[in-house]
């Protein structure tokens, strides 16, 4: 039954004004609605609810990620808008912060203003 239902993503933030700037202006997501409790964004046909919470508890893993066709071009665009990509000491990342997985997929991570880990992935598809 749920396999045909639309997925809704959620991310908790502490400041909706700051989140509007980051998710709307810096990431370029289309913000469709705003209430005192949440922003509603459109991301590739999926609804993302950017929800105000009292205490954001960032976790040590990715909470939102985007599949992109050209990770280098996407990173350059986001960096020009003020996004900073994360470097991890234990990972062999290139100059843009991209790590290449054994599968050939290329991944880069960045944080939102509340410390939520977000990612870009350029998947390596066979053939």
PDB file of N, CA and C in Angstrom:
ATOM      1  N   UNK A   1       0.818  -1.194   0.000  1.00  0.00           N
ATOM      2  CA  UNK A   1       0.000   0.000   0.000  1.00  0.00           C
ATOM      3  C   UNK A   1       0.863   1.260   0.000  1.00  0.00           C
ATOM      4  N   UNK A   2       1.903   1.332   0.848  1.00  0.00           N
ATOM      5  CA  UNK A   2       2.736   2.533   0.911  1.00  0.00           C
ATOM      6  C   UNK A   2       3.675   2.675  -0.278  1.00  0.00           C
ATOM      7  N   UNK A   3       3.914   1.588  -1.014  1.00  0.00           N
ATOM      8  CA  UNK A   3       4.830   1.680  -2.142  1.00  0.00           C
ATOM      9  C   UNK A   3       4.378   2.671  -3.206  1.00  0.00           C
ATOM     10  N   UNK A   4       3.100   2.998  -3.249  1.00  0.00           N
ATOM     11  CA  UNK A   4       2.619   3.971  -4.234  1.00  0.00           C
ATOM     12  C   UNK A   4       2.266   5.324  -3.602  1.00  0.00           C
ATOM     13  N   UNK A   5       2.433   5.439  -2.293  1.00  0.00           N
ATOM     14  CA  UNK A   5       2.149   6.706  -1.603  1.00  0.00           C
ATOM     15  C   UNK A   5       3.350   7.635  -1.706  1.00  0.00           C
ATOM     16  N   UNK A   6       3.092   8.927  -1.811  1.00  0.00           N
ATOM     17  CA  UNK A   6       4.172   9.915  -1.883  1.00  0.00           C
ATOM     18  C   UNK A   6       4.913   9.975  -0.549  1.00  0.00           C
ATOM     19  N   UNK A   7       6.234  10.057  -0.629  1.00  0.00           N
ATOM     20  CA  UNK A   7       7.070  10.166   0.552  1.00  0.00           C
ATOM     21  C   UNK A   7       7.188  11.630   0.965  1.00  0.00           C
ATOM     22  N   UNK A   8       7.160  11.892   2.266  1.00  0.00           N
ATOM     23  CA  UNK A   8       7.368  13.232   2.812  1.00  0.00           C
ATOM     24  C   UNK A   8       8.604  13.154   3.693  1.00  0.00           C
ATOM     25  N   UNK A   9       9.573  14.057   3.439  1.00  0.00           N
ATOM     26  CA  UNK A   9      10.775  14.109   4.264  1.00  0.00           C
ATOM     27  C   UNK A   9      10.624  15.158   5.355  1.00  0.00           C
ATOM     28  N   UNK A  10      11.324  14.967   6.462  1.00  0.00           N
ATOM     29  CA  UNK A  10      11.290  15.902   7.581  1.00  0.00           C
ATOM     30  C   UNK A  10      12.707  16.194   8.041  1.00  0.00           C
ATOM     31  N   UNK A  11      12.959  17.449   8.423  1.00  0.00           N
ATOM     32  CA  UNK A  11      14.213  17.807   9.066  1.00  0.00           C
ATOM     33  C   UNK A  11      13.882  18.837  10.143  1.00  0.00           C
ATOM     34  N   UNK A  12      14.461  18.670  11.318  1.00  0.00           N
ATOM     35  CA  UNK A  12      14.222  19.594  12.426  1.00  0.00           C
ATOM     36  C   UNK A  12      15.239  20.723  12.421  1.00  0.00           C
ATOM     37  N   UNK A  13      14.743  21.942  12.654  1.00  0.00           N
ATOM     38  CA  UNK A  13      15.605  23.124  12.711  1.00  0.00           C
ATOM     39  C   UNK A  13      15.198  23.976  13.914  1.00  0.00           C
ATOM     40  N   UNK A  14      16.116  24.806  14.376  1.00  0.00           N
ATOM     41  CA  UNK A  14      15.837  25.639  15.542  1.00  0.00           C
ATOM     42  C   UNK A  14      15.359  27.035  15.180  1.00  0.00           C
ATOM     43  N   UNK A  15      15.571  27.465  13.940  1.00  0.00           N
ATOM     44  CA  UNK A  15      15.274  28.840  13.545  1.00  0.00           C
ATOM     45  C   UNK A  15      14.758  28.834  12.111  1.00  0.00           C
ATOM     46  N   UNK A  16      13.455  29.088  11.934  1.00  0.00           N
ATOM     47  CA  UNK A  16      12.858  29.028  10.598  1.00  0.00           C
ATOM     48  C   UNK A  16      13.359  30.133   9.668  1.00  0.00           C
ATOM     49  N   UNK A  17      13.703  31.299  10.200  1.00  0.00           N
ATOM     50  CA  UNK A  17      14.224  32.375   9.358  1.00  0.00           C
ATOM     51  C   UNK A  17      15.570  31.956   8.774  1.00  0.00           C
ATOM     52  N   UNK A  18      16.432  31.448   9.616  1.00  0.00           N
ATOM     53  CA  UNK A  18      17.745  30.969   9.168  1.00  0.00           C
ATOM     54  C   UNK A  18      17.580  29.784   8.216  1.00  0.00           C
ATOM     55  N   UNK A  19      16.636  28.896   8.501  1.00  0.00           N
ATOM     56  CA  UNK A  19      16.375  27.739   7.639  1.00  0.00           C
ATOM     57  C   UNK A  19      15.843  28.182   6.279  1.00  0.00           C
ATOM     58  N   UNK A  20      14.983  29.209   6.261  1.00  0.00           N
ATOM     59  CA  UNK A  20      14.461  29.733   4.986  1.00  0.00           C
ATOM     60  C   UNK A  20      15.606  30.211   4.108  1.00  0.00           C
ATOM     61  N   UNK A  21      16.560  30.919   4.704  1.00  0.00           N
ATOM     62  CA  UNK A  21      17.710  31.398   3.943  1.00  0.00           C
ATOM     63  C   UNK A  21      18.534  30.218   3.413  1.00  0.00           C
ATOM     64  N   UNK A  22      18.825  29.249   4.279  1.00  0.00           N
ATOM     65  CA  UNK A  22      19.669  28.129   3.874  1.00  0.00           C
ATOM     66  C   UNK A  22      18.973  27.245   2.839  1.00  0.00           C
ATOM     67  N   UNK A  23      17.799  26.724   3.171  1.00  0.00           N
ATOM     68  CA  UNK A  23      17.127  25.775   2.279  1.00  0.00           C
ATOM     69  C   UNK A  23      16.550  26.455   1.032  1.00  0.00           C
ATOM     70  N   UNK A  24      16.070  27.683   1.183  1.00  0.00           N
ATOM     71  CA  UNK A  24      15.500  28.391   0.042  1.00  0.00           C
ATOM     72  C   UNK A  24      16.547  29.102  -0.789  1.00  0.00           C
ATOM     73  N   UNK A  25      17.282  30.036  -0.171  1.00  0.00           N
ATOM     74  CA  UNK A  25      18.238  30.855  -0.920  1.00  0.00           C
ATOM     75  C   UNK A  25      19.517  30.105  -1.280  1.00  0.00           C
ATOM     76  N   UNK A  26      20.124  29.436  -0.317  1.00  0.00           N
ATOM     77  CA  UNK A  26      21.404  28.788  -0.599  1.00  0.00           C
ATOM     78  C   UNK A  26      21.241  27.482  -1.385  1.00  0.00           C
ATOM     79  N   UNK A  27      20.323  26.613  -0.959  1.00  0.00           N
ATOM     80  CA  UNK A  27      20.136  25.353  -1.672  1.00  0.00           C
ATOM     81  C   UNK A  27      19.227  25.504  -2.877  1.00  0.00           C
ATOM     82  N   UNK A  28      18.418  26.551  -2.897  1.00  0.00           N
ATOM     83  CA  UNK A  28      17.550  26.805  -4.049  1.00  0.00           C
ATOM     84  C   UNK A  28      16.277  25.987  -4.084  1.00  0.00           C
ATOM     85  N   UNK A  29      15.850  25.455  -2.935  1.00  0.00           N
ATOM     86  CA  UNK A  29      14.599  24.704  -2.913  1.00  0.00           C
ATOM     87  C   UNK A  29      13.420  25.657  -3.022  1.00  0.00           C
ATOM     88  N   UNK A  30      12.386  25.206  -3.690  1.00  0.00           N
ATOM     89  CA  UNK A  30      11.165  25.987  -3.828  1.00  0.00           C
ATOM     90  C   UNK A  30      10.364  25.866  -2.531  1.00  0.00           C
ATOM     91  N   UNK A  31      10.205  26.980  -1.823  1.00  0.00           N
ATOM     92  CA  UNK A  31       9.431  26.988  -0.574  1.00  0.00           C
ATOM     93  C   UNK A  31       7.982  27.296  -0.916  1.00  0.00           C
ATOM     94  N   UNK A  32       7.104  26.330  -0.669  1.00  0.00           N
ATOM     95  CA  UNK A  32       5.701  26.446  -1.057  1.00  0.00           C
ATOM     96  C   UNK A  32       4.790  26.987   0.030  1.00  0.00           C
ATOM     97  N   UNK A  33       5.217  26.864   1.279  1.00  0.00           N
ATOM     98  CA  UNK A  33       4.351  27.290   2.374  1.00  0.00           C
ATOM     99  C   UNK A  33       5.217  27.584   3.590  1.00  0.00           C
ATOM    100  N   UNK A  34       4.684  28.450   4.451  1.00  0.00           N
ATOM    101  CA  UNK A  34       5.377  28.771   5.693  1.00  0.00           C
ATOM    102  C   UNK A  34       4.351  29.037   6.775  1.00  0.00           C
ATOM    103  N   UNK A  35       4.552  28.389   7.913  1.00  0.00           N
ATOM    104  CA  UNK A  35       3.714  28.621   9.081  1.00  0.00           C
ATOM    105  C   UNK A  35       4.665  28.909  10.245  1.00  0.00           C
ATOM    106  N   UNK A  36       4.151  29.263  11.409  1.00  0.00           N
ATOM    107  CA  UNK A  36       5.038  29.443  12.564  1.00  0.00           C
ATOM    108  C   UNK A  36       5.714  28.138  13.002  1.00  0.00           C
ATOM    109  N   UNK A  37       5.278  27.015  12.445  1.00  0.00           N
ATOM    110  CA  UNK A  37       5.777  25.705  12.865  1.00  0.00           C
ATOM    111  C   UNK A  37       6.694  25.034  11.855  1.00  0.00           C
ATOM    112  N   UNK A  38       6.590  25.419  10.566  1.00  0.00           N
ATOM    113  CA  UNK A  38       7.362  24.707   9.542  1.00  0.00           C
ATOM    114  C   UNK A  38       7.392  25.480   8.231  1.00  0.00           C
ATOM    115  N   UNK A  39       8.400  25.159   7.449  1.00  0.00           N
ATOM    116  CA  UNK A  39       8.466  25.555   6.049  1.00  0.00           C
ATOM    117  C   UNK A  39       8.169  24.298   5.243  1.00  0.00           C
ATOM    118  N   UNK A  40       7.508  24.456   4.119  1.00  0.00           N
ATOM    119  CA  UNK A  40       7.265  23.321   3.240  1.00  0.00           C
ATOM    120  C   UNK A  40       7.994  23.601   1.938  1.00  0.00           C
ATOM    121  N   UNK A  41       8.913  22.705   1.602  1.00  0.00           N
ATOM    122  CA  UNK A  41       9.717  22.854   0.391  1.00  0.00           C
ATOM    123  C   UNK A  41       9.375  21.744  -0.590  1.00  0.00           C
ATOM    124  N   UNK A  42       9.710  22.008  -1.835  1.00  0.00           N
ATOM    125  CA  UNK A  42       9.582  21.011  -2.897  1.00  0.00           C
ATOM    126  C   UNK A  42      10.986  20.626  -3.309  1.00  0.00           C
ATOM    127  N   UNK A  43      11.278  19.332  -3.291  1.00  0.00           N
ATOM    128  CA  UNK A  43      12.601  18.851  -3.677  1.00  0.00           C
ATOM    129  C   UNK A  43      12.442  17.652  -4.606  1.00  0.00           C
ATOM    130  N   UNK A  44      12.566  17.890  -5.899  1.00  0.00           N
ATOM    131  CA  UNK A  44      12.475  16.801  -6.864  1.00  0.00           C
ATOM    132  C   UNK A  44      11.155  16.065  -6.833  1.00  0.00           C
ATOM    133  N   UNK A  45      10.072  16.773  -6.576  1.00  0.00           N
ATOM    134  CA  UNK A  45       8.759  16.150  -6.519  1.00  0.00           C
ATOM    135  C   UNK A  45       8.395  15.584  -5.162  1.00  0.00           C
ATOM    136  N   UNK A  46       9.286  15.721  -4.193  1.00  0.00           N
ATOM    137  CA  UNK A  46       9.026  15.232  -2.835  1.00  0.00           C
ATOM    138  C   UNK A  46       8.837  16.420  -1.899  1.00  0.00           C
ATOM    139  N   UNK A  47       7.849  16.330  -1.030  1.00  0.00           N
ATOM    140  CA  UNK A  47       7.638  17.369  -0.033  1.00  0.00           C
ATOM    141  C   UNK A  47       8.653  17.207   1.089  1.00  0.00           C
ATOM    142  N   UNK A  48       9.263  18.323   1.463  1.00  0.00           N
ATOM    143  CA  UNK A  48      10.175  18.351   2.604  1.00  0.00           C
ATOM    144  C   UNK A  48       9.611  19.329   3.616  1.00  0.00           C
ATOM    145  N   UNK A  49       9.309  18.833   4.805  1.00  0.00           N
ATOM    146  CA  UNK A  49       8.836  19.689   5.891  1.00  0.00           C
ATOM    147  C   UNK A  49      10.028  20.038   6.772  1.00  0.00           C
ATOM    148  N   UNK A  50      10.365  21.317   6.789  1.00  0.00           N
ATOM    149  CA  UNK A  50      11.465  21.841   7.592  1.00  0.00           C
ATOM    150  C   UNK A  50      10.803  22.352   8.861  1.00  0.00           C
ATOM    151  N   UNK A  51      10.883  21.568   9.910  1.00  0.00           N
ATOM    152  CA  UNK A  51      10.051  21.734  11.090  1.00  0.00           C
ATOM    153  C   UNK A  51      10.804  22.395  12.241  1.00  0.00           C
ATOM    154  N   UNK A  52      10.185  23.409  12.830  1.00  0.00           N
ATOM    155  CA  UNK A  52      10.767  24.061  14.006  1.00  0.00           C
ATOM    156  C   UNK A  52      10.657  23.130  15.205  1.00  0.00           C
ATOM    157  N   UNK A  53      11.781  22.926  15.875  1.00  0.00           N
ATOM    158  CA  UNK A  53      11.804  22.094  17.079  1.00  0.00           C
ATOM    159  C   UNK A  53      12.536  22.855  18.177  1.00  0.00           C
ATOM    160  N   UNK A  54      12.234  22.535  19.411  1.00  0.00           N
ATOM    161  CA  UNK A  54      12.875  23.219  20.533  1.00  0.00           C
ATOM    162  C   UNK A  54      14.349  22.875  20.664  1.00  0.00           C
ATOM    163  N   UNK A  55      14.682  21.615  20.426  1.00  0.00           N
ATOM    164  CA  UNK A  55      16.050  21.173  20.636  1.00  0.00           C
ATOM    165  C   UNK A  55      16.475  20.270  19.486  1.00  0.00           C
ATOM    166  N   UNK A  56      17.260  20.814  18.543  1.00  0.00           N
ATOM    167  CA  UNK A  56      17.769  20.008  17.437  1.00  0.00           C
ATOM    168  C   UNK A  56      18.886  19.132  17.983  1.00  0.00           C
ATOM    169  N   UNK A  57      18.810  17.862  17.690  1.00  0.00           N
ATOM    170  CA  UNK A  57      19.830  16.914  18.130  1.00  0.00           C
ATOM    171  C   UNK A  57      20.475  16.302  16.889  1.00  0.00           C
ATOM    172  N   UNK A  58      21.508  16.985  16.336  1.00  0.00           N
ATOM    173  CA  UNK A  58      22.154  16.439  15.146  1.00  0.00           C
ATOM    174  C   UNK A  58      22.694  15.034  15.413  1.00  0.00           C
ATOM    175  N   UNK A  59      22.612  14.200  14.404  1.00  0.00           N
ATOM    176  CA  UNK A  59      23.073  12.824  14.496  1.00  0.00           C
ATOM    177  C   UNK A  59      24.292  12.645  13.584  1.00  0.00           C
ATOM    178  N   UNK A  60      25.107  11.637  13.832  1.00  0.00           N
ATOM    179  CA  UNK A  60      26.347  11.480  13.074  1.00  0.00           C
ATOM    180  C   UNK A  60      26.175  10.760  11.729  1.00  0.00           C
ATOM    181  N   UNK A  61      25.026  10.938  11.112  1.00  0.00           N
ATOM    182  CA  UNK A  61      24.798  10.324   9.798  1.00  0.00           C
ATOM    183  C   UNK A  61      23.928  11.270   8.967  1.00  0.00           C
ATOM    184  N   UNK A  62      23.834  10.982   7.695  1.00  0.00           N
ATOM    185  CA  UNK A  62      23.083  11.820   6.762  1.00  0.00           C
ATOM    186  C   UNK A  62      21.589  11.703   7.028  1.00  0.00           C
ATOM    187  N   UNK A  63      20.915  12.858   7.114  1.00  0.00           N
ATOM    188  CA  UNK A  63      19.470  12.853   7.315  1.00  0.00           C
ATOM    189  C   UNK A  63      18.704  13.184   6.034  1.00  0.00           C
ATOM    190  N   UNK A  64      19.351  13.900   5.111  1.00  0.00           N
ATOM    191  CA  UNK A  64      18.761  14.213   3.805  1.00  0.00           C
ATOM    192  C   UNK A  64      19.850  14.130   2.755  1.00  0.00           C
ATOM    193  N   UNK A  65      19.513  13.608   1.596  1.00  0.00           N
ATOM    194  CA  UNK A  65      20.482  13.542   0.523  1.00  0.00           C
ATOM    195  C   UNK A  65      19.815  13.720  -0.827  1.00  0.00           C
ATOM    196  N   UNK A  66      20.590  14.203  -1.769  1.00  0.00           N
ATOM    197  CA  UNK A  66      20.110  14.425  -3.125  1.00  0.00           C
ATOM    198  C   UNK A  66      20.940  13.621  -4.103  1.00  0.00           C
ATOM    199  N   UNK A  67      20.285  12.981  -5.053  1.00  0.00           N
ATOM    200  CA  UNK A  67      20.944  12.306  -6.148  1.00  0.00           C
ATOM    201  C   UNK A  67      21.123  13.335  -7.261  1.00  0.00           C
ATOM    202  N   UNK A  68      22.371  13.561  -7.675  1.00  0.00           N
ATOM    203  CA  UNK A  68      22.662  14.572  -8.699  1.00  0.00           C
ATOM    204  C   UNK A  68      23.396  13.919  -9.868  1.00  0.00           C
ATOM    205  N   UNK A  69      23.268  14.522 -11.048  1.00  0.00           N
ATOM    206  CA  UNK A  69      23.919  13.973 -12.242  1.00  0.00           C
ATOM    207  C   UNK A  69      25.366  14.417 -12.370  1.00  0.00           C
ATOM    208  N   UNK A  70      25.687  15.615 -11.888  1.00  0.00           N
ATOM    209  CA  UNK A  70      27.047  16.150 -11.991  1.00  0.00           C
ATOM    210  C   UNK A  70      27.411  16.753 -10.638  1.00  0.00           C
ATOM    211  N   UNK A  71      28.060  15.964  -9.799  1.00  0.00           N
ATOM    212  CA  UNK A  71      28.351  16.397  -8.431  1.00  0.00           C
ATOM    213  C   UNK A  71      29.308  17.584  -8.413  1.00  0.00           C
ATOM    214  N   UNK A  72      30.296  17.609  -9.308  1.00  0.00           N
ATOM    215  CA  UNK A  72      31.257  18.713  -9.323  1.00  0.00           C
ATOM    216  C   UNK A  72      30.558  20.035  -9.625  1.00  0.00           C
ATOM    217  N   UNK A  73      29.716  20.043 -10.633  1.00  0.00           N
ATOM    218  CA  UNK A  73      28.979  21.256 -11.005  1.00  0.00           C
ATOM    219  C   UNK A  73      28.035  21.684  -9.878  1.00  0.00           C
ATOM    220  N   UNK A  74      27.371  20.715  -9.251  1.00  0.00           N
ATOM    221  CA  UNK A  74      26.451  21.020  -8.150  1.00  0.00           C
ATOM    222  C   UNK A  74      27.198  21.605  -6.964  1.00  0.00           C
ATOM    223  N   UNK A  75      28.333  21.022  -6.627  1.00  0.00           N
ATOM    224  CA  UNK A  75      29.135  21.550  -5.512  1.00  0.00           C
ATOM    225  C   UNK A  75      29.591  22.964  -5.820  1.00  0.00           C
ATOM    226  N   UNK A  76      30.118  23.193  -7.006  1.00  0.00           N
ATOM    227  CA  UNK A  76      30.580  24.536  -7.368  1.00  0.00           C
ATOM    228  C   UNK A  76      29.452  25.556  -7.245  1.00  0.00           C
ATOM    229  N   UNK A  77      28.253  25.181  -7.681  1.00  0.00           N
ATOM    230  CA  UNK A  77      27.095  26.079  -7.584  1.00  0.00           C
ATOM    231  C   UNK A  77      26.752  26.366  -6.116  1.00  0.00           C
ATOM    232  N   UNK A  78      26.714  25.328  -5.292  1.00  0.00           N
ATOM    233  CA  UNK A  78      26.366  25.532  -3.879  1.00  0.00           C
ATOM    234  C   UNK A  78      27.451  26.319  -3.142  1.00  0.00           C
ATOM    235  N   UNK A  79      28.707  26.060  -3.442  1.00  0.00           N
ATOM    236  CA  UNK A  79      29.797  26.822  -2.818  1.00  0.00           C
ATOM    237  C   UNK A  79      29.660  28.305  -3.188  1.00  0.00           C
ATOM    238  N   UNK A  80      29.271  28.595  -4.431  1.00  0.00           N
ATOM    239  CA  UNK A  80      29.086  29.995  -4.837  1.00  0.00           C
ATOM    240  C   UNK A  80      27.952  30.665  -4.071  1.00  0.00           C
ATOM    241  N   UNK A  81      27.062  29.858  -3.476  1.00  0.00           N
ATOM    242  CA  UNK A  81      25.954  30.374  -2.669  1.00  0.00           C
ATOM    243  C   UNK A  81      26.258  30.331  -1.172  1.00  0.00           C
ATOM    244  N   UNK A  82      27.500  29.979  -0.824  1.00  0.00           N
ATOM    245  CA  UNK A  82      27.916  30.012   0.575  1.00  0.00           C
ATOM    246  C   UNK A  82      27.883  28.703   1.323  1.00  0.00           C
ATOM    247  N   UNK A  83      27.593  27.590   0.655  1.00  0.00           N
ATOM    248  CA  UNK A  83      27.573  26.286   1.319  1.00  0.00           C
ATOM    249  C   UNK A  83      29.012  25.788   1.452  1.00  0.00           C
ATOM    250  N   UNK A  84      29.339  25.247   2.624  1.00  0.00           N
ATOM    251  CA  UNK A  84      30.661  24.693   2.895  1.00  0.00           C
ATOM    252  C   UNK A  84      30.558  23.180   3.001  1.00  0.00           C
ATOM    253  N   UNK A  85      31.424  22.491   2.289  1.00  0.00           N
ATOM    254  CA  UNK A  85      31.406  21.034   2.309  1.00  0.00           C
ATOM    255  C   UNK A  85      32.332  20.505   3.397  1.00  0.00           C
ATOM    256  N   UNK A  86      31.936  19.367   3.971  1.00  0.00           N
ATOM    257  CA  UNK A  86      32.608  18.779   5.126  1.00  0.00           C
ATOM    258  C   UNK A  86      33.724  17.851   4.677  1.00  0.00           C
ATOM    259  N   UNK A  87      34.836  17.926   5.381  1.00  0.00           N
ATOM    260  CA  UNK A  87      35.952  17.018   5.134  1.00  0.00           C
ATOM    261  C   UNK A  87      36.082  16.107   6.351  1.00  0.00           C
ATOM    262  N   UNK A  88      36.302  14.835   6.083  1.00  0.00           N
ATOM    263  CA  UNK A  88      36.466  13.837   7.132  1.00  0.00           C
ATOM    264  C   UNK A  88      37.887  13.281   7.049  1.00  0.00           C
ATOM    265  N   UNK A  89      38.611  13.313   8.157  1.00  0.00           N
ATOM    266  CA  UNK A  89      40.011  12.892   8.191  1.00  0.00           C
ATOM    267  C   UNK A  89      40.219  11.467   7.683  1.00  0.00           C
ATOM    268  N   UNK A  90      39.341  10.575   8.026  1.00  0.00           N
ATOM    269  CA  UNK A  90      39.534   9.155   7.698  1.00  0.00           C
ATOM    270  C   UNK A  90      39.141   8.816   6.258  1.00  0.00           C
ATOM    271  N   UNK A  91      38.649   9.796   5.501  1.00  0.00           N
ATOM    272  CA  UNK A  91      38.181   9.514   4.145  1.00  0.00           C
ATOM    273  C   UNK A  91      39.078  10.199   3.123  1.00  0.00           C
ATOM    274  N   UNK A  92      39.301   9.521   2.034  1.00  0.00           N
ATOM    275  CA  UNK A  92      40.099  10.065   0.951  1.00  0.00           C
ATOM    276  C   UNK A  92      39.188  10.876   0.028  1.00  0.00           C
ATOM    277  N   UNK A  93      39.076  12.171   0.320  1.00  0.00           N
ATOM    278  CA  UNK A  93      38.205  13.057  -0.449  1.00  0.00           C
ATOM    279  C   UNK A  93      39.051  13.918  -1.386  1.00  0.00           C
ATOM    280  N   UNK A  94      38.460  14.285  -2.530  1.00  0.00           N
ATOM    281  CA  UNK A  94      39.176  15.149  -3.466  1.00  0.00           C
ATOM    282  C   UNK A  94      39.112  16.600  -3.009  1.00  0.00           C
ATOM    283  N   UNK A  95      39.603  17.521  -3.836  1.00  0.00           N
ATOM    284  CA  UNK A  95      39.685  18.941  -3.449  1.00  0.00           C
ATOM    285  C   UNK A  95      38.325  19.567  -3.166  1.00  0.00           C
ATOM    286  N   UNK A  96      37.240  19.009  -3.714  1.00  0.00           N
ATOM    287  CA  UNK A  96      35.896  19.534  -3.452  1.00  0.00           C
ATOM    288  C   UNK A  96      35.257  18.877  -2.224  1.00  0.00           C
ATOM    289  N   UNK A  97      35.903  17.855  -1.678  1.00  0.00           N
ATOM    290  CA  UNK A  97      35.332  17.126  -0.548  1.00  0.00           C
ATOM    291  C   UNK A  97      34.557  15.896  -0.975  1.00  0.00           C
ATOM    292  N   UNK A  98      34.755  15.447  -2.211  1.00  0.00           N
ATOM    293  CA  UNK A  98      34.032  14.285  -2.738  1.00  0.00           C
ATOM    294  C   UNK A  98      34.804  13.013  -2.428  1.00  0.00           C
ATOM    295  N   UNK A  99      34.096  12.028  -1.899  1.00  0.00           N
ATOM    296  CA  UNK A  99      34.646  10.698  -1.655  1.00  0.00           C
ATOM    297  C   UNK A  99      34.086   9.768  -2.717  1.00  0.00           C
ATOM    298  N   UNK A 100      34.923   8.923  -3.281  1.00  0.00           N
ATOM    299  CA  UNK A 100      34.476   7.937  -4.258  1.00  0.00           C
ATOM    300  C   UNK A 100      34.361   6.581  -3.571  1.00  0.00           C
ATOM    301  N   UNK A 101      33.147   6.048  -3.567  1.00  0.00           N
ATOM    302  CA  UNK A 101      32.867   4.754  -2.943  1.00  0.00           C
ATOM    303  C   UNK A 101      33.423   3.626  -3.814  1.00  0.00           C
ATOM    304  N   UNK A 102      33.600   2.433  -3.255  1.00  0.00           N
ATOM    305  CA  UNK A 102      34.069   1.295  -4.048  1.00  0.00           C
ATOM    306  C   UNK A 102      33.208   1.026  -5.291  1.00  0.00           C
ATOM    307  N   UNK A 103      31.934   1.367  -5.233  1.00  0.00           N
ATOM    308  CA  UNK A 103      31.028   1.164  -6.372  1.00  0.00           C
ATOM    309  C   UNK A 103      31.273   2.163  -7.502  1.00  0.00           C
ATOM    310  N   UNK A 104      32.027   3.230  -7.191  1.00  0.00           N
ATOM    311  CA  UNK A 104      32.243   4.299  -8.158  1.00  0.00           C
ATOM    312  C   UNK A 104      31.324   5.490  -7.922  1.00  0.00           C
ATOM    313  N   UNK A 105      30.341   5.339  -7.059  1.00  0.00           N
ATOM    314  CA  UNK A 105      29.482   6.480  -6.722  1.00  0.00           C
ATOM    315  C   UNK A 105      30.315   7.528  -6.003  1.00  0.00           C
ATOM    316  N   UNK A 106      29.982   8.788  -6.215  1.00  0.00           N
ATOM    317  CA  UNK A 106      30.727   9.895  -5.620  1.00  0.00           C
ATOM    318  C   UNK A 106      29.804  10.647  -4.676  1.00  0.00           C
ATOM    319  N   UNK A 107      30.285  10.907  -3.445  1.00  0.00           N
ATOM    320  CA  UNK A 107      29.449  11.474  -2.383  1.00  0.00           C
ATOM    321  C   UNK A 107      30.175  12.633  -1.713  1.00  0.00           C
ATOM    322  N   UNK A 108      29.410  13.684  -1.388  1.00  0.00           N
ATOM    323  CA  UNK A 108      29.936  14.820  -0.625  1.00  0.00           C
ATOM    324  C   UNK A 108      28.906  15.197   0.430  1.00  0.00           C
ATOM    325  N   UNK A 109      29.392  15.695   1.554  1.00  0.00           N
ATOM    326  CA  UNK A 109      28.528  16.028   2.684  1.00  0.00           C
ATOM    327  C   UNK A 109      28.670  17.490   3.056  1.00  0.00           C
ATOM    328  N   UNK A 110      27.598  18.045   3.618  1.00  0.00           N
ATOM    329  CA  UNK A 110      27.605  19.408   4.131  1.00  0.00           C
ATOM    330  C   UNK A 110      26.584  19.491   5.249  1.00  0.00           C
ATOM    331  N   UNK A 111      26.689  20.539   6.063  1.00  0.00           N
ATOM    332  CA  UNK A 111      25.803  20.704   7.216  1.00  0.00           C
ATOM    333  C   UNK A 111      24.843  21.852   6.984  1.00  0.00           C
ATOM    334  N   UNK A 112      23.626  21.703   7.526  1.00  0.00           N
ATOM    335  CA  UNK A 112      22.728  22.857   7.553  1.00  0.00           C
ATOM    336  C   UNK A 112      23.100  23.690   8.779  1.00  0.00           C
ATOM    337  N   UNK A 113      22.487  24.856   8.988  1.00  0.00           N
ATOM    338  CA  UNK A 113      22.875  25.707  10.121  1.00  0.00           C
ATOM    339  C   UNK A 113      22.702  25.064  11.501  1.00  0.00           C
ATOM    340  N   UNK A 114      21.889  24.012  11.597  1.00  0.00           N
ATOM    341  CA  UNK A 114      21.695  23.327  12.877  1.00  0.00           C
ATOM    342  C   UNK A 114      22.582  22.107  13.037  1.00  0.00           C
ATOM    343  N   UNK A 115      23.461  21.852  12.080  1.00  0.00           N
ATOM    344  CA  UNK A 115      24.357  20.712  12.181  1.00  0.00           C
ATOM    345  C   UNK A 115      23.803  19.418  11.623  1.00  0.00           C
ATOM    346  N   UNK A 116      22.641  19.468  10.956  1.00  0.00           N
ATOM    347  CA  UNK A 116      22.109  18.277  10.293  1.00  0.00           C
ATOM    348  C   UNK A 116      22.997  17.955   9.096  1.00  0.00           C
ATOM    349  N   UNK A 117      23.396  16.693   8.957  1.00  0.00           N
ATOM    350  CA  UNK A 117      24.243  16.283   7.847  1.00  0.00           C
ATOM    351  C   UNK A 117      23.398  16.008   6.612  1.00  0.00           C
ATOM    352  N   UNK A 118      23.767  16.677   5.526  1.00  0.00           N
ATOM    353  CA  UNK A 118      23.096  16.544   4.232  1.00  0.00           C
ATOM    354  C   UNK A 118      24.132  16.043   3.230  1.00  0.00           C
ATOM    355  N   UNK A 119      23.683  15.438   2.133  1.00  0.00           N
ATOM    356  CA  UNK A 119      24.652  14.906   1.178  1.00  0.00           C
ATOM    357  C   UNK A 119      24.194  15.052  -0.261  1.00  0.00           C
ATOM    358  N   UNK A 120      25.177  14.960  -1.145  1.00  0.00           N
ATOM    359  CA  UNK A 120      24.960  14.858  -2.586  1.00  0.00           C
ATOM    360  C   UNK A 120      25.582  13.537  -3.010  1.00  0.00           C
ATOM    361  N   UNK A 121      24.920  12.814  -3.913  1.00  0.00           N
ATOM    362  CA  UNK A 121      25.492  11.585  -4.453  1.00  0.00           C
ATOM    363  C   UNK A 121      25.325  11.575  -5.962  1.00  0.00           C
ATOM    364  N   UNK A 122      26.422  11.311  -6.639  1.00  0.00           N
ATOM    365  CA  UNK A 122      26.396  11.033  -8.078  1.00  0.00           C
ATOM    366  C   UNK A 122      26.585   9.527  -8.178  1.00  0.00           C
ATOM    367  N   UNK A 123      25.488   8.816  -8.405  1.00  0.00           N
ATOM    368  CA  UNK A 123      25.540   7.356  -8.414  1.00  0.00           C
ATOM    369  C   UNK A 123      26.245   6.839  -9.663  1.00  0.00           C
ATOM    370  N   UNK A 124      27.015   5.787  -9.484  1.00  0.00           N
ATOM    371  CA  UNK A 124      27.650   5.095 -10.609  1.00  0.00           C
ATOM    372  C   UNK A 124      26.719   3.965 -11.011  1.00  0.00           C
ATOM    373  N   UNK A 125      26.135   4.077 -12.167  1.00  0.00           N
ATOM    374  CA  UNK A 125      25.213   3.063 -12.632  1.00  0.00           C
ATOM    375  C   UNK A 125      25.946   2.134 -13.599  1.00  0.00           C
ATOM    376  N   UNK A 126      25.716   0.838 -13.498  1.00  0.00           N
ATOM    377  CA  UNK A 126      26.385  -0.095 -14.406  1.00  0.00           C
ATOM    378  C   UNK A 126      25.960   0.158 -15.853  1.00  0.00           C
ATOM    379  N   UNK A 127      26.912  -0.073 -16.754  1.00  0.00           N
ATOM    380  CA  UNK A 127      26.629   0.003 -18.200  1.00  0.00           C
ATOM    381  C   UNK A 127      26.612   1.381 -18.676  1.00  0.00           C
TER     382      UNK A 127
END
